[in-house]
């Protein structure tokens, strides 16, 4: 029977991902099968999980997904020895208004699955106060159980002793304490961690993190704190309609942000996926009946995309007769132009009139609920789509017919409506699920 545990923290940037990867690899090195999940809409972390465990990881999200979908997705952990769900932000951080089955908080997933929470606490600049924070998290919400704490970035043995004593007095188990160790820091860029597939040394970094954590954390105690978990059969699956029977999917360093569960759902529904690389100047598969451009980092490769004539002409020819859809970065590439951070304007494919700019960056972040005013691949007029938007681009022009009426999680209408022109459609949000 698998043992389930949630890895969370009081805030972002405390070390959740590093600890998750280290524990997963350390237990794998001991011969255990480890399955990871990501709570929340982060589309980068699952690839790191897969690198650590050798098993595909997917997102589970209480704002966008119902309980049946979440149960279906976590069911892949049935044959594992250990199942880890890495949280996002702080343990109770979600949106103000409840979504399908919660607010998107990690605590929702912990309570729903009945898994205790392993807290990562960074006591930098404090000592006994760290125990007060941990105790507050433990007692904040009935139904969410605390397994214990791993301290991260402790300054000295004396610092560790002060924090440990306070946590012990509060009745909170301390499974280990990690000194500062630059060698296991994961590189970052403006949308989060540099992607796992872009890091040639990621395996060595995870190995070092596993060695370091095994040296400072009692792995047996952590494993013993996890809950025995007997997955309940899911009443339903993903209920996803693929955008086509054969899907030409852009996939490279500029087009990589697509949720793994969506690709799996497309394949499970019988669709075939044909990969092509715009950065390698490849055109979409001429035998496909739909083309999908995910988000990613087109702003870092705008010059290459603009110069790749075979990709641009091939995509335009494809769109003459078949649907093309872009999400976030993919949407920007379907537009007329993209201005990079240096203020240089690059012509894109021109299938839509959208113009975006990174010259003056402004963060757009949050859940999105879209009611389609026009069809897009896989979804009809009136469909209610749930997704997440995260980018720093500014809209210079969005002249085409709006694709949807889009609200944020509070119900406020937002300007990023998406667009439609001919057979081309695009959205700024990444699709997570459709309301049933």
Protein backbone atom coordinates (compact mmCIF):
# COMPACT_ATOMS: atom_id res chain seq x y z
CA UNK A 1 0.00 0.00 0.00
CA UNK A 2 1.53 3.38 -0.96
CA UNK A 3 2.51 5.95 1.66
CA UNK A 4 1.33 9.49 0.87
CA UNK A 5 2.88 12.77 1.94
CA UNK A 6 2.45 16.44 0.98
CA UNK A 7 5.52 18.71 0.86
CA UNK A 8 4.61 22.30 1.70
CA UNK A 9 5.90 25.45 3.38
CA UNK A 10 4.78 28.81 4.78
CA UNK A 11 5.70 30.58 1.52
CA UNK A 12 7.32 30.29 -1.89
CA UNK A 13 11.09 30.11 -2.26
CA UNK A 14 11.68 28.08 0.90
CA UNK A 15 12.94 24.88 -0.77
CA UNK A 16 9.90 22.68 -1.48
CA UNK A 17 11.03 21.61 -4.93
CA UNK A 18 14.59 20.82 -3.88
CA UNK A 19 13.42 18.75 -0.90
CA UNK A 20 10.83 16.92 -3.00
CA UNK A 21 13.40 16.01 -5.64
CA UNK A 22 15.96 14.99 -3.03
CA UNK A 23 13.57 12.75 -1.10
CA UNK A 24 12.25 11.19 -4.30
CA UNK A 25 15.75 10.37 -5.59
CA UNK A 26 17.04 9.22 -2.19
CA UNK A 27 14.16 6.75 -1.80
CA UNK A 28 14.51 5.67 -5.39
CA UNK A 29 18.18 4.97 -4.70
CA UNK A 30 16.98 2.67 -1.92
CA UNK A 31 14.92 0.69 -4.40
CA UNK A 32 11.52 2.29 -3.73
CA UNK A 33 9.09 3.34 -6.48
CA UNK A 34 8.25 7.01 -5.99
CA UNK A 35 5.38 8.87 -7.66
CA UNK A 36 5.21 12.68 -7.55
CA UNK A 37 2.43 15.16 -8.20
CA UNK A 38 2.32 18.94 -8.28
CA UNK A 39 -0.45 20.72 -6.42
CA UNK A 40 -1.47 23.84 -8.32
CA UNK A 41 -0.94 25.15 -11.84
CA UNK A 42 2.89 25.17 -12.09
CA UNK A 43 3.76 23.48 -15.40
CA UNK A 44 7.56 23.39 -14.85
CA UNK A 45 7.95 21.28 -11.71
CA UNK A 46 6.43 18.01 -13.08
CA UNK A 47 9.38 17.62 -15.47
CA UNK A 48 11.78 17.85 -12.51
CA UNK A 49 9.74 15.22 -10.69
CA UNK A 50 10.02 12.91 -13.68
CA UNK A 51 13.80 13.44 -13.78
CA UNK A 52 14.04 12.45 -10.10
CA UNK A 53 11.72 9.45 -10.13
CA UNK A 54 11.70 8.09 -13.67
CA UNK A 55 7.89 8.33 -13.59
CA UNK A 56 5.70 10.96 -15.21
CA UNK A 57 4.25 13.56 -12.83
CA UNK A 58 1.04 15.55 -13.32
CA UNK A 59 -0.71 18.54 -11.75
CA UNK A 60 -3.67 18.25 -9.41
CA UNK A 61 -5.61 21.45 -8.86
CA UNK A 62 -8.60 21.98 -6.58
CA UNK A 63 -9.68 25.24 -8.26
CA UNK A 64 -9.80 23.84 -11.78
CA UNK A 65 -10.52 20.12 -11.22
CA UNK A 66 -13.33 18.22 -9.55
CA UNK A 67 -12.68 15.44 -7.06
CA UNK A 68 -13.27 12.74 -9.66
CA UNK A 69 -10.57 14.16 -11.93
CA UNK A 70 -8.12 14.48 -9.04
CA UNK A 71 -8.85 10.90 -7.94
CA UNK A 72 -8.31 9.71 -11.51
CA UNK A 73 -4.96 11.48 -11.76
CA UNK A 74 -3.56 10.38 -8.40
CA UNK A 75 -4.63 6.82 -9.18
CA UNK A 76 -1.35 6.45 -11.07
CA UNK A 77 0.33 6.19 -7.67
CA UNK A 78 -1.37 2.89 -6.85
CA UNK A 79 1.69 0.81 -7.73
CA UNK A 80 4.20 3.14 -6.01
CA UNK A 81 5.77 2.69 -2.59
CA UNK A 82 5.81 6.42 -1.83
CA UNK A 83 3.62 9.18 -3.25
CA UNK A 84 4.69 12.82 -2.84
CA UNK A 85 2.56 15.86 -3.68
CA UNK A 86 4.62 19.03 -3.90
CA UNK A 87 2.67 22.11 -2.94
CA UNK A 88 2.73 25.61 -4.40
CA UNK A 89 3.23 28.90 -2.53
CA UNK A 90 2.28 28.58 1.15
CA UNK A 91 0.23 25.71 2.55
CA UNK A 92 -3.07 27.61 2.71
CA UNK A 93 -2.51 30.03 -0.16
CA UNK A 94 -5.24 29.95 -2.78
CA UNK A 95 -7.66 32.36 -4.38
CA UNK A 96 -10.43 34.25 -2.61
CA UNK A 97 -13.34 32.50 -4.33
CA UNK A 98 -13.80 28.74 -4.29
CA UNK A 99 -13.46 26.94 -7.62
CA UNK A 100 -14.57 23.44 -8.57
CA UNK A 101 -13.44 21.63 -5.41
CA UNK A 102 -11.43 24.26 -3.52
CA UNK A 103 -9.41 27.45 -3.77
CA UNK A 104 -6.31 25.92 -5.35
CA UNK A 105 -4.50 25.72 -1.99
CA UNK A 106 -2.16 22.84 -1.23
CA UNK A 107 -4.16 22.27 1.95
CA UNK A 108 -7.17 21.28 -0.18
CA UNK A 109 -5.21 18.41 -1.71
CA UNK A 110 -3.80 17.33 1.67
CA UNK A 111 -7.27 17.19 3.22
CA UNK A 112 -8.88 15.59 0.17
CA UNK A 113 -6.34 12.77 0.02
CA UNK A 114 -5.83 12.42 3.76
CA UNK A 115 -2.05 12.85 3.48
CA UNK A 116 -0.08 14.58 6.25
CA UNK A 117 2.03 17.63 5.47
CA UNK A 118 5.81 17.77 5.73
CA UNK A 119 6.68 21.44 6.22
CA UNK A 120 9.86 23.00 4.90
CA UNK A 121 10.77 25.87 7.23
CA UNK A 122 13.49 28.42 6.46
CA UNK A 123 14.33 30.03 9.82
CA UNK A 124 16.69 32.64 8.35
CA UNK A 125 16.54 35.80 10.45
CA UNK A 126 14.56 34.12 13.24
CA UNK A 127 14.77 31.32 15.77
CA UNK A 128 11.90 30.40 18.13
CA UNK A 129 9.46 32.31 15.92
CA UNK A 130 9.83 29.50 13.36
CA UNK A 131 8.07 27.22 15.87
CA UNK A 132 5.21 29.70 16.23
CA UNK A 133 4.77 29.73 12.46
CA UNK A 134 4.80 25.93 12.26
CA UNK A 135 2.33 25.65 15.15
CA UNK A 136 0.04 28.17 13.50
CA UNK A 137 0.05 26.19 10.26
CA UNK A 138 -0.62 22.97 12.19
CA UNK A 139 -3.65 24.42 13.96
CA UNK A 140 -5.10 26.65 11.24
CA UNK A 141 -7.45 24.19 9.55
CA UNK A 142 -9.10 21.06 10.87
CA UNK A 143 -8.59 18.13 8.54
CA UNK A 144 -5.04 19.12 7.59
CA UNK A 145 -2.49 17.11 9.60
CA UNK A 146 1.14 18.06 10.14
CA UNK A 147 3.69 15.23 9.90
CA UNK A 148 6.68 17.31 10.95
CA UNK A 149 9.28 19.77 9.80
CA UNK A 150 12.53 19.87 7.85
CA UNK A 151 14.54 23.02 8.50
CA UNK A 152 16.32 24.55 5.53
CA UNK A 153 19.25 27.00 5.37
CA UNK A 154 20.07 26.93 9.09
CA UNK A 155 22.93 29.31 9.87
CA UNK A 156 24.83 27.33 12.52
CA UNK A 157 24.53 24.46 15.03
CA UNK A 158 23.49 26.99 17.70
CA UNK A 159 20.79 28.38 15.40
CA UNK A 160 19.54 24.86 14.69
CA UNK A 161 19.44 24.02 18.41
CA UNK A 162 17.34 27.08 19.24
CA UNK A 163 14.80 26.27 16.56
CA UNK A 164 14.70 22.56 17.36
CA UNK A 165 14.07 23.19 21.06
CA UNK A 166 11.17 25.53 20.28
CA UNK A 167 9.62 23.06 17.83
CA UNK A 168 9.99 20.20 20.30
CA UNK A 169 8.31 22.31 23.00
CA UNK A 170 5.43 22.87 20.56
CA UNK A 171 5.11 19.13 20.01
CA UNK A 172 6.30 19.28 16.38
CA UNK A 173 8.70 16.65 15.10
CA UNK A 174 11.91 17.82 13.41
CA UNK A 175 13.12 15.30 10.84
CA UNK A 176 16.31 17.13 9.96
CA UNK A 177 18.06 20.43 9.36
CA UNK A 178 19.84 21.46 6.18
CA UNK A 179 22.75 23.93 6.26
CA UNK A 180 23.09 26.32 3.34
CA UNK A 181 24.43 24.43 0.31
CA UNK A 182 24.78 26.38 -2.94
CA UNK A 183 25.52 23.24 -4.97
CA UNK A 184 21.85 22.19 -4.88
CA UNK A 185 20.33 25.53 -5.88
CA UNK A 186 18.12 25.23 -8.96
CA UNK A 187 18.67 28.02 -11.54
CA UNK A 188 15.76 30.40 -12.12
CA UNK A 189 14.43 32.79 -14.74
CA UNK A 190 11.43 35.09 -15.00
CA UNK A 191 8.69 32.41 -15.15
CA UNK A 192 10.24 30.18 -12.50
CA UNK A 193 12.90 27.49 -12.60
CA UNK A 194 14.93 26.95 -15.75
CA UNK A 195 13.25 23.92 -17.28
CA UNK A 196 14.61 20.46 -16.49
CA UNK A 197 15.08 19.63 -20.18
CA UNK A 198 17.34 22.67 -20.58
CA UNK A 199 19.72 21.56 -17.82
CA UNK A 200 22.23 18.99 -19.00
CA UNK A 201 23.46 18.45 -15.44
CA UNK A 202 20.05 18.06 -13.81
CA UNK A 203 20.66 14.40 -12.94
CA UNK A 204 23.88 15.23 -11.12
CA UNK A 205 22.23 18.13 -9.28
CA UNK A 206 19.39 15.88 -8.08
CA UNK A 207 21.90 13.21 -7.03
CA UNK A 208 23.81 15.78 -4.98
CA UNK A 209 20.58 17.04 -3.41
CA UNK A 210 19.64 13.45 -2.50
CA UNK A 211 23.07 12.80 -0.96
CA UNK A 212 22.95 16.05 1.01
CA UNK A 213 19.42 15.51 2.30
CA UNK A 214 20.11 11.87 3.24
CA UNK A 215 23.08 13.12 5.29
CA UNK A 216 21.00 15.65 7.25
CA UNK A 217 17.43 14.27 7.30
CA UNK A 218 16.15 11.02 8.84
CA UNK A 219 14.61 9.44 5.76
CA UNK A 220 13.11 6.57 7.76
CA UNK A 221 11.31 8.96 10.11
CA UNK A 222 9.96 10.98 7.19
CA UNK A 223 8.72 7.83 5.47
CA UNK A 224 7.18 6.61 8.72
CA UNK A 225 5.23 9.87 9.03
CA UNK A 226 3.48 9.35 5.69
CA UNK A 227 -0.07 8.01 5.62
CA UNK A 228 -0.89 4.57 4.31
CA UNK A 229 -3.06 5.31 1.34
CA UNK A 230 -5.60 3.13 -0.38
CA UNK A 231 -6.68 4.99 -3.53
CA UNK A 232 -10.41 5.10 -4.14
CA UNK A 233 -11.57 4.17 -7.65
CA UNK A 234 -12.29 7.30 -9.65
CA UNK A 235 -15.89 7.68 -10.74
CA UNK A 236 -14.79 9.31 -13.95
CA UNK A 237 -11.71 10.23 -15.94
CA UNK A 238 -10.60 13.50 -17.46
CA UNK A 239 -13.61 13.93 -19.77
CA UNK A 240 -11.38 15.68 -22.30
CA UNK A 241 -12.14 15.95 -26.01
CA UNK A 242 -8.89 16.06 -28.02
CA UNK A 243 -8.57 19.00 -30.41
CA UNK A 244 -8.17 16.53 -33.28
CA UNK A 245 -7.39 12.95 -34.20
CA UNK A 246 -3.79 13.74 -35.22
CA UNK A 247 -2.32 16.74 -33.44
CA UNK A 248 0.81 18.56 -34.63
CA UNK A 249 2.34 19.79 -31.36
CA UNK A 250 5.14 22.38 -31.25
CA UNK A 251 7.73 21.22 -28.74
CA UNK A 252 11.15 22.71 -28.03
CA UNK A 253 12.77 25.26 -25.71
CA UNK A 254 10.37 28.00 -26.92
CA UNK A 255 7.21 25.86 -26.79
CA UNK A 256 7.15 23.60 -23.76
CA UNK A 257 4.46 24.76 -21.33
CA UNK A 258 1.62 22.29 -21.64
CA UNK A 259 0.14 20.32 -18.78
CA UNK A 260 1.18 16.64 -18.89
CA UNK A 261 -2.31 15.50 -17.92
CA UNK A 262 -3.73 17.17 -21.04
CA UNK A 263 -1.38 15.27 -23.36
CA UNK A 264 -2.18 12.03 -21.55
CA UNK A 265 -5.91 12.70 -21.81
CA UNK A 266 -5.62 13.36 -25.55
CA UNK A 267 -3.77 10.10 -26.06
CA UNK A 268 -6.19 8.19 -23.82
CA UNK A 269 -9.05 9.47 -25.98
CA UNK A 270 -7.36 8.01 -29.06
CA UNK A 271 -5.52 11.03 -30.47
CA UNK A 272 -2.06 10.81 -32.01
CA UNK A 273 0.51 13.53 -31.30
CA UNK A 274 3.12 14.52 -33.87
CA UNK A 275 5.95 16.65 -32.46
CA UNK A 276 7.70 19.38 -34.45
CA UNK A 277 10.22 22.09 -33.52
CA UNK A 278 9.72 25.66 -34.73
CA UNK A 279 13.23 26.52 -33.46
CA UNK A 280 14.63 23.84 -35.78
CA UNK A 281 12.63 25.49 -38.61
CA UNK A 282 10.24 22.55 -38.88
CA UNK A 283 6.71 22.90 -40.22
CA UNK A 284 3.74 21.10 -38.66
CA UNK A 285 2.99 17.58 -39.85
CA UNK A 286 1.10 17.86 -43.15
CA UNK A 287 -0.90 14.77 -42.16
CA UNK A 288 -2.23 16.34 -38.95
CA UNK A 289 -5.74 17.76 -38.70
CA UNK A 290 -4.97 20.37 -36.03
CA UNK A 291 -1.87 22.26 -34.83
CA UNK A 292 -1.27 23.28 -31.21
CA UNK A 293 1.40 25.77 -30.09
CA UNK A 294 1.93 25.68 -26.30
CA UNK A 295 3.44 28.46 -24.27
CA UNK A 296 7.07 28.68 -23.31
CA UNK A 297 9.77 31.26 -23.93
CA UNK A 298 9.28 32.67 -27.44
CA UNK A 299 10.56 36.02 -26.18
CA UNK A 300 13.99 34.45 -25.66
CA UNK A 301 14.01 33.06 -29.22
CA UNK A 302 12.04 35.73 -31.12
CA UNK A 303 14.82 36.41 -33.62
CA UNK A 304 15.15 32.74 -34.51
CA UNK A 305 11.39 32.30 -34.86
CA UNK A 306 11.16 35.38 -37.09
CA UNK A 307 13.97 34.08 -39.31
CA UNK A 308 12.68 30.53 -39.65
CA UNK A 309 10.86 30.86 -42.98
CA UNK A 310 10.03 27.16 -43.36
CA UNK A 311 8.22 27.09 -40.02
CA UNK A 312 6.35 30.33 -40.66
CA UNK A 313 5.25 29.49 -44.22
CA UNK A 314 4.40 25.91 -43.24
CA UNK A 315 2.22 27.07 -40.37
CA UNK A 316 0.43 29.61 -42.57
CA UNK A 317 -0.25 26.95 -45.21
CA UNK A 318 -1.54 24.61 -42.53
CA UNK A 319 -3.90 27.29 -41.19
CA UNK A 320 -5.44 27.78 -44.63
CA UNK A 321 -7.34 24.52 -44.25
CA UNK A 322 -7.02 23.31 -40.64
CA UNK A 323 -7.31 24.79 -37.13
CA UNK A 324 -4.30 26.20 -35.32
CA UNK A 325 -4.39 27.13 -31.64
CA UNK A 326 -1.80 28.88 -29.47
CA UNK A 327 -1.58 29.19 -25.69
CA UNK A 328 0.22 32.18 -24.13
CA UNK A 329 3.65 32.13 -25.84
CA UNK A 330 2.12 30.13 -28.68
CA UNK A 331 -0.61 32.77 -28.97
CA UNK A 332 2.04 35.48 -29.21
CA UNK A 333 3.78 33.62 -32.05
CA UNK A 334 0.48 33.37 -33.92
CA UNK A 335 0.31 37.17 -33.74
CA UNK A 336 1.74 39.86 -35.99
CA UNK A 337 4.77 40.85 -33.92
CA UNK A 338 6.59 40.38 -30.64
CA UNK A 339 8.89 43.03 -29.17
CA UNK A 340 11.60 41.53 -26.98
CA UNK A 341 13.06 42.84 -23.72
CA UNK A 342 15.66 44.87 -25.65
CA UNK A 343 12.91 46.70 -27.55
CA UNK A 344 13.54 44.90 -30.85
CA UNK A 345 10.36 44.15 -32.81
CA UNK A 346 10.22 40.73 -34.48
CA UNK A 347 7.61 39.69 -37.03
CA UNK A 348 5.74 36.56 -36.02
CA UNK A 349 3.49 34.35 -38.16
CA UNK A 350 0.69 36.91 -38.68
CA UNK A 351 -2.18 34.42 -38.39
CA UNK A 352 -3.66 36.79 -35.80
CA UNK A 353 -3.31 40.53 -35.36
CA UNK A 354 -2.02 40.31 -31.79
CA UNK A 355 1.07 42.37 -30.97
CA UNK A 356 2.88 41.92 -27.66
CA UNK A 357 5.88 43.52 -25.99
CA UNK A 358 8.35 42.57 -23.28
CA UNK A 359 10.07 45.97 -23.41
CA UNK A 360 7.98 47.07 -20.42
CA UNK A 361 7.32 43.95 -18.43
CA UNK A 362 4.16 43.55 -16.43
CA UNK A 363 3.24 40.35 -14.64
CA UNK A 364 -0.09 38.71 -15.48
CA UNK A 365 -0.80 35.88 -13.07
CA UNK A 366 -3.84 33.94 -11.97
CA UNK A 367 -6.57 31.44 -12.65
CA UNK A 368 -8.89 32.07 -15.60
CA UNK A 369 -12.46 30.96 -16.35
CA UNK A 370 -13.33 31.46 -20.00
CA UNK A 371 -16.75 31.18 -21.64
CA UNK A 372 -16.09 30.59 -25.34
CA UNK A 373 -17.79 33.07 -27.68
CA UNK A 374 -16.42 31.16 -30.66
CA UNK A 375 -15.25 27.56 -31.09
CA UNK A 376 -11.65 26.49 -30.63
CA UNK A 377 -10.13 23.08 -31.29
CA UNK A 378 -11.81 20.51 -29.05
CA UNK A 379 -14.35 22.92 -27.57
CA UNK A 380 -17.61 24.44 -28.80
CA UNK A 381 -19.24 27.84 -28.31
CA UNK A 382 -20.40 28.22 -24.72
CA UNK A 383 -17.84 25.81 -23.24
CA UNK A 384 -16.47 26.94 -19.89
CA UNK A 385 -12.73 26.40 -19.75
CA UNK A 386 -10.56 26.64 -16.66
CA UNK A 387 -6.91 27.57 -16.98
CA UNK A 388 -4.03 29.59 -15.63
CA UNK A 389 -2.21 32.63 -16.99
CA UNK A 390 1.36 33.60 -16.16
CA UNK A 391 3.44 35.88 -18.35
CA UNK A 392 5.15 39.27 -18.43
CA UNK A 393 4.11 40.49 -21.86
CA UNK A 394 2.05 43.59 -22.55
CA UNK A 395 -0.67 43.71 -25.21
CA UNK A 396 0.13 46.34 -27.82
CA UNK A 397 -2.79 45.38 -30.06
CA UNK A 398 -5.46 42.66 -29.95
CA UNK A 399 -7.65 43.61 -32.94
CA UNK A 400 -9.30 40.31 -33.87
CA UNK A 401 -12.65 38.90 -32.78
CA UNK A 402 -12.49 37.99 -29.08
CA UNK A 403 -12.44 34.25 -28.51
CA UNK A 404 -14.03 34.28 -25.06
CA UNK A 405 -15.31 36.28 -22.15
CA UNK A 406 -12.60 35.67 -19.56
CA UNK A 407 -12.87 36.18 -15.80
CA UNK A 408 -10.27 35.89 -13.07
CA UNK A 409 -10.87 33.83 -9.94
CA UNK A 410 -12.78 36.68 -8.26
CA UNK A 411 -15.20 36.95 -11.19
CA UNK A 412 -13.71 40.16 -12.60
CA UNK A 413 -13.62 40.43 -16.41
CA UNK A 414 -10.09 40.71 -17.79
CA UNK A 415 -8.78 42.16 -21.05
CA UNK A 416 -6.90 39.05 -22.20
CA UNK A 417 -9.87 37.60 -24.09
CA UNK A 418 -7.96 35.58 -26.62
CA UNK A 419 -8.60 36.00 -30.37
CA UNK A 420 -9.97 34.28 -33.42
CA UNK A 421 -9.32 34.91 -37.12
CA UNK A 422 -10.22 32.32 -39.71
CA UNK A 423 -9.07 28.94 -38.41
CA UNK A 424 -6.53 30.43 -35.98
CA UNK A 425 -7.35 30.86 -32.29
CA UNK A 426 -5.31 31.79 -29.26
CA UNK A 427 -5.56 32.34 -25.51
CA UNK A 428 -3.26 33.80 -22.88
CA UNK A 429 -4.26 31.08 -20.42
CA UNK A 430 -3.07 27.48 -20.44
CA UNK A 431 -5.97 25.04 -20.45
CA UNK A 432 -6.29 22.82 -17.36
CA UNK A 433 -9.86 21.46 -17.54
CA UNK A 434 -13.34 22.04 -18.91
CA UNK A 435 -16.29 22.43 -16.56
CA UNK A 436 -18.46 19.34 -16.80
